[in-house]
Each structure stands twice: as structure tokens, then as C-alpha cells.
Amino acid sequence: RHHTFFEMLGNFSFGDYFKEHAIELAWNLLTKE
């Protein structure tokens, strides 16, 4: 799994949501979507 070039998927919140919604969004994408 090591690469020199790779793509990083990401989501960002700038002072909007924090830990709870970040965990919720990630968990729902992985397990439900």
C-alpha cells in the first residue's frame, strides 16, 4: 500500500461541524452507502 503518488479523498469543516458529525458522516458513508 505505499506509493509516491496517490489520491487522498477528504472532507473538511472550517469551524462548522466537529468530532461528532465528522464521525457520523464517515461511518454512514462506509457502512450505509
PDB file of all heavy atoms in Angstrom:
ATOM      1  N   ARG A   1       0.769  -1.245   0.000  1.00  0.00           N
ATOM      2  CA  ARG A   1       0.000   0.000   0.000  1.00  0.00           C
ATOM      3  C   ARG A   1       0.802   1.298   0.000  1.00  0.00           C
ATOM      4  O   ARG A   1       0.231   2.370   0.192  1.00  0.00           O
ATOM      5  CB  ARG A   1      -0.947   0.008   1.204  1.00  0.00           C
ATOM      6  CG  ARG A   1      -0.270  -0.236   2.544  1.00  0.00           C
ATOM      7  CD  ARG A   1      -1.311  -0.431   3.641  1.00  0.00           C
ATOM      8  NE  ARG A   1      -0.709  -0.647   4.942  1.00  0.00           N
ATOM      9  CZ  ARG A   1      -0.365  -1.836   5.418  1.00  0.00           C
ATOM     10  NH1 ARG A   1      -0.552  -2.917   4.679  1.00  0.00           N
ATOM     11  NH2 ARG A   1       0.141  -1.942   6.625  1.00  0.00           N
ATOM     12  N   HIS A   2       2.113   1.265  -0.222  1.00  0.00           N
ATOM     13  CA  HIS A   2       2.879   2.508  -0.290  1.00  0.00           C
ATOM     14  C   HIS A   2       2.987   3.007  -1.731  1.00  0.00           C
ATOM     15  O   HIS A   2       3.152   2.215  -2.662  1.00  0.00           O
ATOM     16  CB  HIS A   2       4.284   2.319   0.296  1.00  0.00           C
ATOM     17  CG  HIS A   2       4.303   2.359   1.791  1.00  0.00           C
ATOM     18  ND1 HIS A   2       4.357   1.222   2.565  1.00  0.00           N
ATOM     19  CD2 HIS A   2       4.259   3.401   2.659  1.00  0.00           C
ATOM     20  CE1 HIS A   2       4.345   1.550   3.840  1.00  0.00           C
ATOM     21  NE2 HIS A   2       4.288   2.860   3.928  1.00  0.00           N
ATOM     22  N   HIS A   3       2.903   4.332  -1.888  1.00  0.00           N
ATOM     23  CA  HIS A   3       3.015   4.958  -3.207  1.00  0.00           C
ATOM     24  C   HIS A   3       3.814   6.252  -3.094  1.00  0.00           C
ATOM     25  O   HIS A   3       3.866   6.879  -2.039  1.00  0.00           O
ATOM     26  CB  HIS A   3       1.630   5.286  -3.776  1.00  0.00           C
ATOM     27  CG  HIS A   3       0.742   4.099  -3.925  1.00  0.00           C
ATOM     28  ND1 HIS A   3       1.001   3.099  -4.836  1.00  0.00           N
ATOM     29  CD2 HIS A   3      -0.381   3.728  -3.274  1.00  0.00           C
ATOM     30  CE1 HIS A   3       0.063   2.162  -4.743  1.00  0.00           C
ATOM     31  NE2 HIS A   3      -0.781   2.527  -3.793  1.00  0.00           N
ATOM     32  N   THR A   4       4.419   6.668  -4.214  1.00  0.00           N
ATOM     33  CA  THR A   4       5.000   8.012  -4.257  1.00  0.00           C
ATOM     34  C   THR A   4       3.906   9.018  -4.614  1.00  0.00           C
ATOM     35  O   THR A   4       3.833  10.101  -4.042  1.00  0.00           O
ATOM     36  CB  THR A   4       6.139   8.094  -5.284  1.00  0.00           C
ATOM     37  OG1 THR A   4       5.687   7.566  -6.542  1.00  0.00           O
ATOM     38  CG2 THR A   4       7.348   7.327  -4.813  1.00  0.00           C
ATOM     39  N   PHE A   5       3.050   8.663  -5.567  1.00  0.00           N
ATOM     40  CA  PHE A   5       1.905   9.497  -5.932  1.00  0.00           C
ATOM     41  C   PHE A   5       0.631   8.738  -5.581  1.00  0.00           C
ATOM     42  O   PHE A   5       0.521   7.540  -5.827  1.00  0.00           O
ATOM     43  CB  PHE A   5       1.904   9.800  -7.432  1.00  0.00           C
ATOM     44  CG  PHE A   5       0.658  10.518  -7.900  1.00  0.00           C
ATOM     45  CD1 PHE A   5       0.614  11.891  -7.929  1.00  0.00           C
ATOM     46  CD2 PHE A   5      -0.465   9.800  -8.286  1.00  0.00           C
ATOM     47  CE1 PHE A   5      -0.542  12.554  -8.340  1.00  0.00           C
ATOM     48  CE2 PHE A   5      -1.623  10.442  -8.689  1.00  0.00           C
ATOM     49  CZ  PHE A   5      -1.660  11.830  -8.719  1.00  0.00           C
ATOM     50  N   PHE A   6      -0.328   9.456  -4.984  1.00  0.00           N
ATOM     51  CA  PHE A   6      -1.625   8.847  -4.697  1.00  0.00           C
ATOM     52  C   PHE A   6      -2.677   9.942  -4.605  1.00  0.00           C
ATOM     53  O   PHE A   6      -2.355  11.133  -4.598  1.00  0.00           O
ATOM     54  CB  PHE A   6      -1.585   8.033  -3.394  1.00  0.00           C
ATOM     55  CG  PHE A   6      -1.311   8.858  -2.154  1.00  0.00           C
ATOM     56  CD1 PHE A   6      -2.350   9.313  -1.352  1.00  0.00           C
ATOM     57  CD2 PHE A   6      -0.016   9.198  -1.802  1.00  0.00           C
ATOM     58  CE1 PHE A   6      -2.101  10.081  -0.225  1.00  0.00           C
ATOM     59  CE2 PHE A   6       0.245   9.956  -0.673  1.00  0.00           C
ATOM     60  CZ  PHE A   6      -0.805  10.415   0.118  1.00  0.00           C
ATOM     61  N   GLU A   7      -3.939   9.534  -4.556  1.00  0.00           N
ATOM     62  CA  GLU A   7      -5.033  10.489  -4.379  1.00  0.00           C
ATOM     63  C   GLU A   7      -5.603  10.348  -2.977  1.00  0.00           C
ATOM     64  O   GLU A   7      -5.846   9.230  -2.503  1.00  0.00           O
ATOM     65  CB  GLU A   7      -6.145  10.236  -5.396  1.00  0.00           C
ATOM     66  CG  GLU A   7      -5.838  10.740  -6.790  1.00  0.00           C
ATOM     67  CD  GLU A   7      -7.034  10.596  -7.711  1.00  0.00           C
ATOM     68  OE1 GLU A   7      -8.020  11.349  -7.548  1.00  0.00           O
ATOM     69  OE2 GLU A   7      -6.988   9.715  -8.592  1.00  0.00           O
ATOM     70  N   MET A   8      -5.814  11.491  -2.324  1.00  0.00           N
ATOM     71  CA  MET A   8      -6.388  11.483  -0.984  1.00  0.00           C
ATOM     72  C   MET A   8      -7.778  12.104  -1.030  1.00  0.00           C
ATOM     73  O   MET A   8      -7.939  13.287  -1.328  1.00  0.00           O
ATOM     74  CB  MET A   8      -5.500  12.239  -0.002  1.00  0.00           C
ATOM     75  CG  MET A   8      -5.996  12.154   1.425  1.00  0.00           C
ATOM     76  SD  MET A   8      -4.886  12.951   2.615  1.00  0.00           S
ATOM     77  CE  MET A   8      -3.567  11.725   2.703  1.00  0.00           C
ATOM     78  N   LEU A   9      -8.772  11.286  -0.749  1.00  0.00           N
ATOM     79  CA  LEU A   9     -10.142  11.773  -0.622  1.00  0.00           C
ATOM     80  C   LEU A   9     -10.281  12.466   0.728  1.00  0.00           C
ATOM     81  O   LEU A   9      -9.711  12.009   1.723  1.00  0.00           O
ATOM     82  CB  LEU A   9     -11.124  10.604  -0.702  1.00  0.00           C
ATOM     83  CG  LEU A   9     -11.035   9.722  -1.954  1.00  0.00           C
ATOM     84  CD1 LEU A   9     -11.885   8.470  -1.769  1.00  0.00           C
ATOM     85  CD2 LEU A   9     -11.485  10.499  -3.187  1.00  0.00           C
ATOM     86  N   GLY A  10     -11.041  13.558   0.779  1.00  0.00           N
ATOM     87  CA  GLY A  10     -11.161  14.255   2.049  1.00  0.00           C
ATOM     88  C   GLY A  10     -12.411  15.089   2.169  1.00  0.00           C
ATOM     89  O   GLY A  10     -12.999  15.516   1.171  1.00  0.00           O
ATOM     90  N   ASN A  11     -12.840  15.300   3.414  1.00  0.00           N
ATOM     91  CA  ASN A  11     -13.893  16.273   3.717  1.00  0.00           C
ATOM     92  C   ASN A  11     -13.403  17.183   4.830  1.00  0.00           C
ATOM     93  O   ASN A  11     -12.623  16.772   5.695  1.00  0.00           O
ATOM     94  CB  ASN A  11     -15.202  15.586   4.101  1.00  0.00           C
ATOM     95  CG  ASN A  11     -15.104  14.724   5.333  1.00  0.00           C
ATOM     96  OD1 ASN A  11     -14.486  13.660   5.305  1.00  0.00           O
ATOM     97  ND2 ASN A  11     -15.717  15.157   6.439  1.00  0.00           N
ATOM     98  N   PHE A  12     -13.821  18.447   4.766  1.00  0.00           N
ATOM     99  CA  PHE A  12     -13.264  19.475   5.644  1.00  0.00           C
ATOM    100  C   PHE A  12     -14.382  20.340   6.217  1.00  0.00           C
ATOM    101  O   PHE A  12     -15.340  20.672   5.515  1.00  0.00           O
ATOM    102  CB  PHE A  12     -12.286  20.360   4.869  1.00  0.00           C
ATOM    103  CG  PHE A  12     -11.236  19.575   4.132  1.00  0.00           C
ATOM    104  CD1 PHE A  12     -11.469  19.122   2.837  1.00  0.00           C
ATOM    105  CD2 PHE A  12     -10.036  19.255   4.734  1.00  0.00           C
ATOM    106  CE1 PHE A  12     -10.512  18.369   2.160  1.00  0.00           C
ATOM    107  CE2 PHE A  12      -9.080  18.502   4.061  1.00  0.00           C
ATOM    108  CZ  PHE A  12      -9.322  18.063   2.778  1.00  0.00           C
ATOM    109  N   SER A  13     -14.222  20.700   7.474  1.00  0.00           N
ATOM    110  CA  SER A  13     -15.114  21.650   8.123  1.00  0.00           C
ATOM    111  C   SER A  13     -14.276  22.788   8.667  1.00  0.00           C
ATOM    112  O   SER A  13     -13.316  22.562   9.407  1.00  0.00           O
ATOM    113  CB  SER A  13     -15.872  20.964   9.274  1.00  0.00           C
ATOM    114  OG  SER A  13     -16.410  21.933  10.158  1.00  0.00           O
ATOM    115  N   PHE A  14     -14.641  24.015   8.299  1.00  0.00           N
ATOM    116  CA  PHE A  14     -13.910  25.198   8.757  1.00  0.00           C
ATOM    117  C   PHE A  14     -14.742  25.898   9.824  1.00  0.00           C
ATOM    118  O   PHE A  14     -15.473  26.852   9.557  1.00  0.00           O
ATOM    119  CB  PHE A  14     -13.618  26.121   7.580  1.00  0.00           C
ATOM    120  CG  PHE A  14     -13.005  25.403   6.409  1.00  0.00           C
ATOM    121  CD1 PHE A  14     -13.674  25.311   5.197  1.00  0.00           C
ATOM    122  CD2 PHE A  14     -11.759  24.790   6.525  1.00  0.00           C
ATOM    123  CE1 PHE A  14     -13.116  24.634   4.124  1.00  0.00           C
ATOM    124  CE2 PHE A  14     -11.195  24.111   5.448  1.00  0.00           C
ATOM    125  CZ  PHE A  14     -11.874  24.024   4.251  1.00  0.00           C
ATOM    126  N   GLY A  15     -14.646  25.369  11.048  1.00  0.00           N
ATOM    127  CA  GLY A  15     -15.389  25.944  12.156  1.00  0.00           C
ATOM    128  C   GLY A  15     -16.875  25.655  12.109  1.00  0.00           C
ATOM    129  O   GLY A  15     -17.663  26.285  12.820  1.00  0.00           O
ATOM    130  N   ASP A  16     -17.294  24.702  11.288  1.00  0.00           N
ATOM    131  CA  ASP A  16     -18.721  24.364  11.186  1.00  0.00           C
ATOM    132  C   ASP A  16     -19.027  23.171  12.098  1.00  0.00           C
ATOM    133  O   ASP A  16     -19.340  23.343  13.259  1.00  0.00           O
ATOM    134  CB  ASP A  16     -19.072  24.084   9.722  1.00  0.00           C
ATOM    135  CG  ASP A  16     -20.545  23.825   9.510  1.00  0.00           C
ATOM    136  OD1 ASP A  16     -21.351  24.380  10.264  1.00  0.00           O
ATOM    137  OD2 ASP A  16     -20.894  23.055   8.591  1.00  0.00           O
ATOM    138  N   TYR A  17     -18.903  21.951  11.604  1.00  0.00           N
ATOM    139  CA  TYR A  17     -19.097  20.795  12.483  1.00  0.00           C
ATOM    140  C   TYR A  17     -17.756  20.341  13.045  1.00  0.00           C
ATOM    141  O   TYR A  17     -16.686  20.753  12.576  1.00  0.00           O
ATOM    142  CB  TYR A  17     -19.809  19.655  11.752  1.00  0.00           C
ATOM    143  CG  TYR A  17     -19.097  19.109  10.532  1.00  0.00           C
ATOM    144  CD1 TYR A  17     -18.110  18.128  10.648  1.00  0.00           C
ATOM    145  CD2 TYR A  17     -19.430  19.534   9.243  1.00  0.00           C
ATOM    146  CE1 TYR A  17     -17.472  17.596   9.533  1.00  0.00           C
ATOM    147  CE2 TYR A  17     -18.806  19.016   8.121  1.00  0.00           C
ATOM    148  CZ  TYR A  17     -17.826  18.054   8.275  1.00  0.00           C
ATOM    149  OH  TYR A  17     -17.181  17.534   7.178  1.00  0.00           O
ATOM    150  N   PHE A  18     -17.834  19.462  14.056  1.00  0.00           N
ATOM    151  CA  PHE A  18     -16.586  18.986  14.672  1.00  0.00           C
ATOM    152  C   PHE A  18     -16.648  17.468  14.827  1.00  0.00           C
ATOM    153  O   PHE A  18     -17.127  16.781  13.932  1.00  0.00           O
ATOM    154  CB  PHE A  18     -16.339  19.723  15.995  1.00  0.00           C
ATOM    155  CG  PHE A  18     -14.924  19.644  16.503  1.00  0.00           C
ATOM    156  CD1 PHE A  18     -13.849  19.812  15.644  1.00  0.00           C
ATOM    157  CD2 PHE A  18     -14.661  19.403  17.840  1.00  0.00           C
ATOM    158  CE1 PHE A  18     -12.535  19.737  16.105  1.00  0.00           C
ATOM    159  CE2 PHE A  18     -13.363  19.336  18.320  1.00  0.00           C
ATOM    160  CZ  PHE A  18     -12.305  19.499  17.448  1.00  0.00           C
ATOM    161  N   LYS A  19     -16.192  16.943  15.917  1.00  0.00           N
ATOM    162  CA  LYS A  19     -15.963  15.493  16.046  1.00  0.00           C
ATOM    163  C   LYS A  19     -17.204  14.652  15.775  1.00  0.00           C
ATOM    164  O   LYS A  19     -17.159  13.673  15.027  1.00  0.00           O
ATOM    165  CB  LYS A  19     -15.427  15.170  17.448  1.00  0.00           C
ATOM    166  CG  LYS A  19     -14.043  15.707  17.719  1.00  0.00           C
ATOM    167  CD  LYS A  19     -13.581  15.338  19.123  1.00  0.00           C
ATOM    168  CE  LYS A  19     -12.243  16.019  19.429  1.00  0.00           C
ATOM    169  NZ  LYS A  19     -11.771  15.708  20.792  1.00  0.00           N
ATOM    170  N   GLU A  20     -18.314  15.020  16.387  1.00  0.00           N
ATOM    171  CA  GLU A  20     -19.489  14.153  16.306  1.00  0.00           C
ATOM    172  C   GLU A  20     -19.975  13.976  14.872  1.00  0.00           C
ATOM    173  O   GLU A  20     -20.191  12.854  14.411  1.00  0.00           O
ATOM    174  CB  GLU A  20     -20.624  14.709  17.176  1.00  0.00           C
ATOM    175  CG  GLU A  20     -21.854  13.821  17.163  1.00  0.00           C
ATOM    176  CD  GLU A  20     -22.859  14.163  18.251  1.00  0.00           C
ATOM    177  OE1 GLU A  20     -22.700  15.213  18.894  1.00  0.00           O
ATOM    178  OE2 GLU A  20     -23.801  13.372  18.451  1.00  0.00           O
ATOM    179  N   HIS A  21     -20.129  15.086  14.142  1.00  0.00           N
ATOM    180  CA  HIS A  21     -20.651  14.974  12.782  1.00  0.00           C
ATOM    181  C   HIS A  21     -19.608  14.362  11.843  1.00  0.00           C
ATOM    182  O   HIS A  21     -19.964  13.658  10.891  1.00  0.00           O
ATOM    183  CB  HIS A  21     -21.095  16.334  12.271  1.00  0.00           C
ATOM    184  CG  HIS A  21     -22.014  16.264  11.083  1.00  0.00           C
ATOM    185  ND1 HIS A  21     -23.055  15.357  10.987  1.00  0.00           N
ATOM    186  CD2 HIS A  21     -22.033  16.975   9.917  1.00  0.00           C
ATOM    187  CE1 HIS A  21     -23.680  15.507   9.837  1.00  0.00           C
ATOM    188  NE2 HIS A  21     -23.075  16.477   9.157  1.00  0.00           N
ATOM    189  N   ALA A  22     -18.322  14.609  12.113  1.00  0.00           N
ATOM    190  CA  ALA A  22     -17.270  14.003  11.285  1.00  0.00           C
ATOM    191  C   ALA A  22     -17.321  12.482  11.392  1.00  0.00           C
ATOM    192  O   ALA A  22     -17.223  11.773  10.379  1.00  0.00           O
ATOM    193  CB  ALA A  22     -15.904  14.518  11.718  1.00  0.00           C
ATOM    194  N   ILE A  23     -17.468  11.979  12.601  1.00  0.00           N
ATOM    195  CA  ILE A  23     -17.551  10.522  12.808  1.00  0.00           C
ATOM    196  C   ILE A  23     -18.823   9.972  12.176  1.00  0.00           C
ATOM    197  O   ILE A  23     -18.812   8.924  11.515  1.00  0.00           O
ATOM    198  CB  ILE A  23     -17.477  10.197  14.311  1.00  0.00           C
ATOM    199  CG1 ILE A  23     -16.067  10.492  14.839  1.00  0.00           C
ATOM    200  CG2 ILE A  23     -17.866   8.742  14.581  1.00  0.00           C
ATOM    201  CD1 ILE A  23     -15.930  10.390  16.351  1.00  0.00           C
ATOM    202  N   GLU A  24     -19.922  10.694  12.347  1.00  0.00           N
ATOM    203  CA  GLU A  24     -21.203  10.256  11.789  1.00  0.00           C
ATOM    204  C   GLU A  24     -21.151  10.187  10.261  1.00  0.00           C
ATOM    205  O   GLU A  24     -21.588   9.203   9.649  1.00  0.00           O
ATOM    206  CB  GLU A  24     -22.298  11.224  12.242  1.00  0.00           C
ATOM    207  CG  GLU A  24     -23.692  10.849  11.782  1.00  0.00           C
ATOM    208  CD  GLU A  24     -24.725  11.856  12.251  1.00  0.00           C
ATOM    209  OE1 GLU A  24     -24.432  13.066  12.249  1.00  0.00           O
ATOM    210  OE2 GLU A  24     -25.832  11.426  12.612  1.00  0.00           O
ATOM    211  N   LEU A  25     -20.595  11.213   9.619  1.00  0.00           N
ATOM    212  CA  LEU A  25     -20.502  11.232   8.154  1.00  0.00           C
ATOM    213  C   LEU A  25     -19.638  10.081   7.639  1.00  0.00           C
ATOM    214  O   LEU A  25     -19.989   9.408   6.663  1.00  0.00           O
ATOM    215  CB  LEU A  25     -19.925  12.572   7.689  1.00  0.00           C
ATOM    216  CG  LEU A  25     -20.859  13.780   7.725  1.00  0.00           C
ATOM    217  CD1 LEU A  25     -20.063  15.076   7.548  1.00  0.00           C
ATOM    218  CD2 LEU A  25     -21.946  13.674   6.652  1.00  0.00           C
ATOM    219  N   ALA A  26     -18.496   9.861   8.280  1.00  0.00           N
ATOM    220  CA  ALA A  26     -17.592   8.793   7.844  1.00  0.00           C
ATOM    221  C   ALA A  26     -18.235   7.423   8.017  1.00  0.00           C
ATOM    222  O   ALA A  26     -18.191   6.579   7.113  1.00  0.00           O
ATOM    223  CB  ALA A  26     -16.279   8.878   8.624  1.00  0.00           C
ATOM    224  N   TRP A  27     -18.830   7.202   9.172  1.00  0.00           N
ATOM    225  CA  TRP A  27     -19.424   5.895   9.462  1.00  0.00           C
ATOM    226  C   TRP A  27     -20.574   5.581   8.504  1.00  0.00           C
ATOM    227  O   TRP A  27     -20.701   4.457   8.007  1.00  0.00           O
ATOM    228  CB  TRP A  27     -19.899   5.849  10.913  1.00  0.00           C
ATOM    229  CG  TRP A  27     -20.335   4.492  11.365  1.00  0.00           C
ATOM    230  CD1 TRP A  27     -21.604   4.058  11.596  1.00  0.00           C
ATOM    231  CD2 TRP A  27     -19.490   3.359  11.630  1.00  0.00           C
ATOM    232  NE1 TRP A  27     -21.597   2.744  11.985  1.00  0.00           N
ATOM    233  CE2 TRP A  27     -20.312   2.292  12.017  1.00  0.00           C
ATOM    234  CE3 TRP A  27     -18.104   3.165  11.569  1.00  0.00           C
ATOM    235  CZ2 TRP A  27     -19.804   1.031  12.353  1.00  0.00           C
ATOM    236  CZ3 TRP A  27     -17.592   1.913  11.904  1.00  0.00           C
ATOM    237  CH2 TRP A  27     -18.445   0.864  12.285  1.00  0.00           C
ATOM    238  N   ASN A  28     -21.411   6.577   8.229  1.00  0.00           N
ATOM    239  CA  ASN A  28     -22.550   6.350   7.334  1.00  0.00           C
ATOM    240  C   ASN A  28     -22.098   6.070   5.906  1.00  0.00           C
ATOM    241  O   ASN A  28     -22.684   5.241   5.211  1.00  0.00           O
ATOM    242  CB  ASN A  28     -23.498   7.554   7.362  1.00  0.00           C
ATOM    243  CG  ASN A  28     -24.301   7.621   8.650  1.00  0.00           C
ATOM    244  OD1 ASN A  28     -24.387   6.647   9.390  1.00  0.00           O
ATOM    245  ND2 ASN A  28     -24.875   8.787   8.929  1.00  0.00           N
ATOM    246  N   LEU A  29     -21.059   6.773   5.453  1.00  0.00           N
ATOM    247  CA  LEU A  29     -20.562   6.508   4.102  1.00  0.00           C
ATOM    248  C   LEU A  29     -20.021   5.084   4.007  1.00  0.00           C
ATOM    249  O   LEU A  29     -20.345   4.341   3.072  1.00  0.00           O
ATOM    250  CB  LEU A  29     -19.468   7.510   3.725  1.00  0.00           C
ATOM    251  CG  LEU A  29     -18.799   7.269   2.363  1.00  0.00           C
ATOM    252  CD1 LEU A  29     -19.807   7.333   1.222  1.00  0.00           C
ATOM    253  CD2 LEU A  29     -17.675   8.273   2.114  1.00  0.00           C
ATOM    254  N   LEU A  30     -19.192   4.698   4.967  1.00  0.00           N
ATOM    255  CA  LEU A  30     -18.551   3.378   4.908  1.00  0.00           C
ATOM    256  C   LEU A  30     -19.556   2.243   5.022  1.00  0.00           C
ATOM    257  O   LEU A  30     -19.495   1.270   4.259  1.00  0.00           O
ATOM    258  CB  LEU A  30     -17.509   3.257   6.023  1.00  0.00           C
ATOM    259  CG  LEU A  30     -16.258   4.135   5.893  1.00  0.00           C
ATOM    260  CD1 LEU A  30     -15.395   4.008   7.143  1.00  0.00           C
ATOM    261  CD2 LEU A  30     -15.454   3.773   4.657  1.00  0.00           C
ATOM    262  N   THR A  31     -20.487   2.353   5.969  1.00  0.00           N
ATOM    263  CA  THR A  31     -21.352   1.208   6.277  1.00  0.00           C
ATOM    264  C   THR A  31     -22.694   1.228   5.551  1.00  0.00           C
ATOM    265  O   THR A  31     -23.237   0.168   5.225  1.00  0.00           O
ATOM    266  CB  THR A  31     -21.603   1.114   7.791  1.00  0.00           C
ATOM    267  OG1 THR A  31     -22.265   2.305   8.245  1.00  0.00           O
ATOM    268  CG2 THR A  31     -20.297   0.947   8.545  1.00  0.00           C
ATOM    269  N   LYS A  32     -23.223   2.427   5.286  1.00  0.00           N
ATOM    270  CA  LYS A  32     -24.540   2.505   4.644  1.00  0.00           C
ATOM    271  C   LYS A  32     -24.425   2.716   3.122  1.00  0.00           C
ATOM    272  O   LYS A  32     -25.046   1.997   2.347  1.00  0.00           O
ATOM    273  CB  LYS A  32     -25.369   3.622   5.274  1.00  0.00           C
ATOM    274  CG  LYS A  32     -25.741   3.330   6.735  1.00  0.00           C
ATOM    275  CD  LYS A  32     -26.573   4.451   7.346  1.00  0.00           C
ATOM    276  CE  LYS A  32     -26.926   4.123   8.801  1.00  0.00           C
ATOM    277  NZ  LYS A  32     -27.701   5.214   9.444  1.00  0.00           N
ATOM    278  N   GLU A  33     -23.630   3.699   2.723  1.00  0.00           N
ATOM    279  CA  GLU A  33     -23.502   3.983   1.292  1.00  0.00           C
ATOM    280  C   GLU A  33     -22.667   2.921   0.578  1.00  0.00           C
ATOM    281  O   GLU A  33     -23.017   2.462  -0.501  1.00  0.00           O
ATOM    282  CB  GLU A  33     -22.868   5.361   1.085  1.00  0.00           C
ATOM    283  CG  GLU A  33     -23.659   6.518   1.665  1.00  0.00           C
ATOM    284  CD  GLU A  33     -24.905   6.852   0.864  1.00  0.00           C
ATOM    285  OE1 GLU A  33     -24.878   6.693  -0.374  1.00  0.00           O
ATOM    286  OE2 GLU A  33     -25.905   7.277   1.480  1.00  0.00           O
TER     287      GLU A  33
END
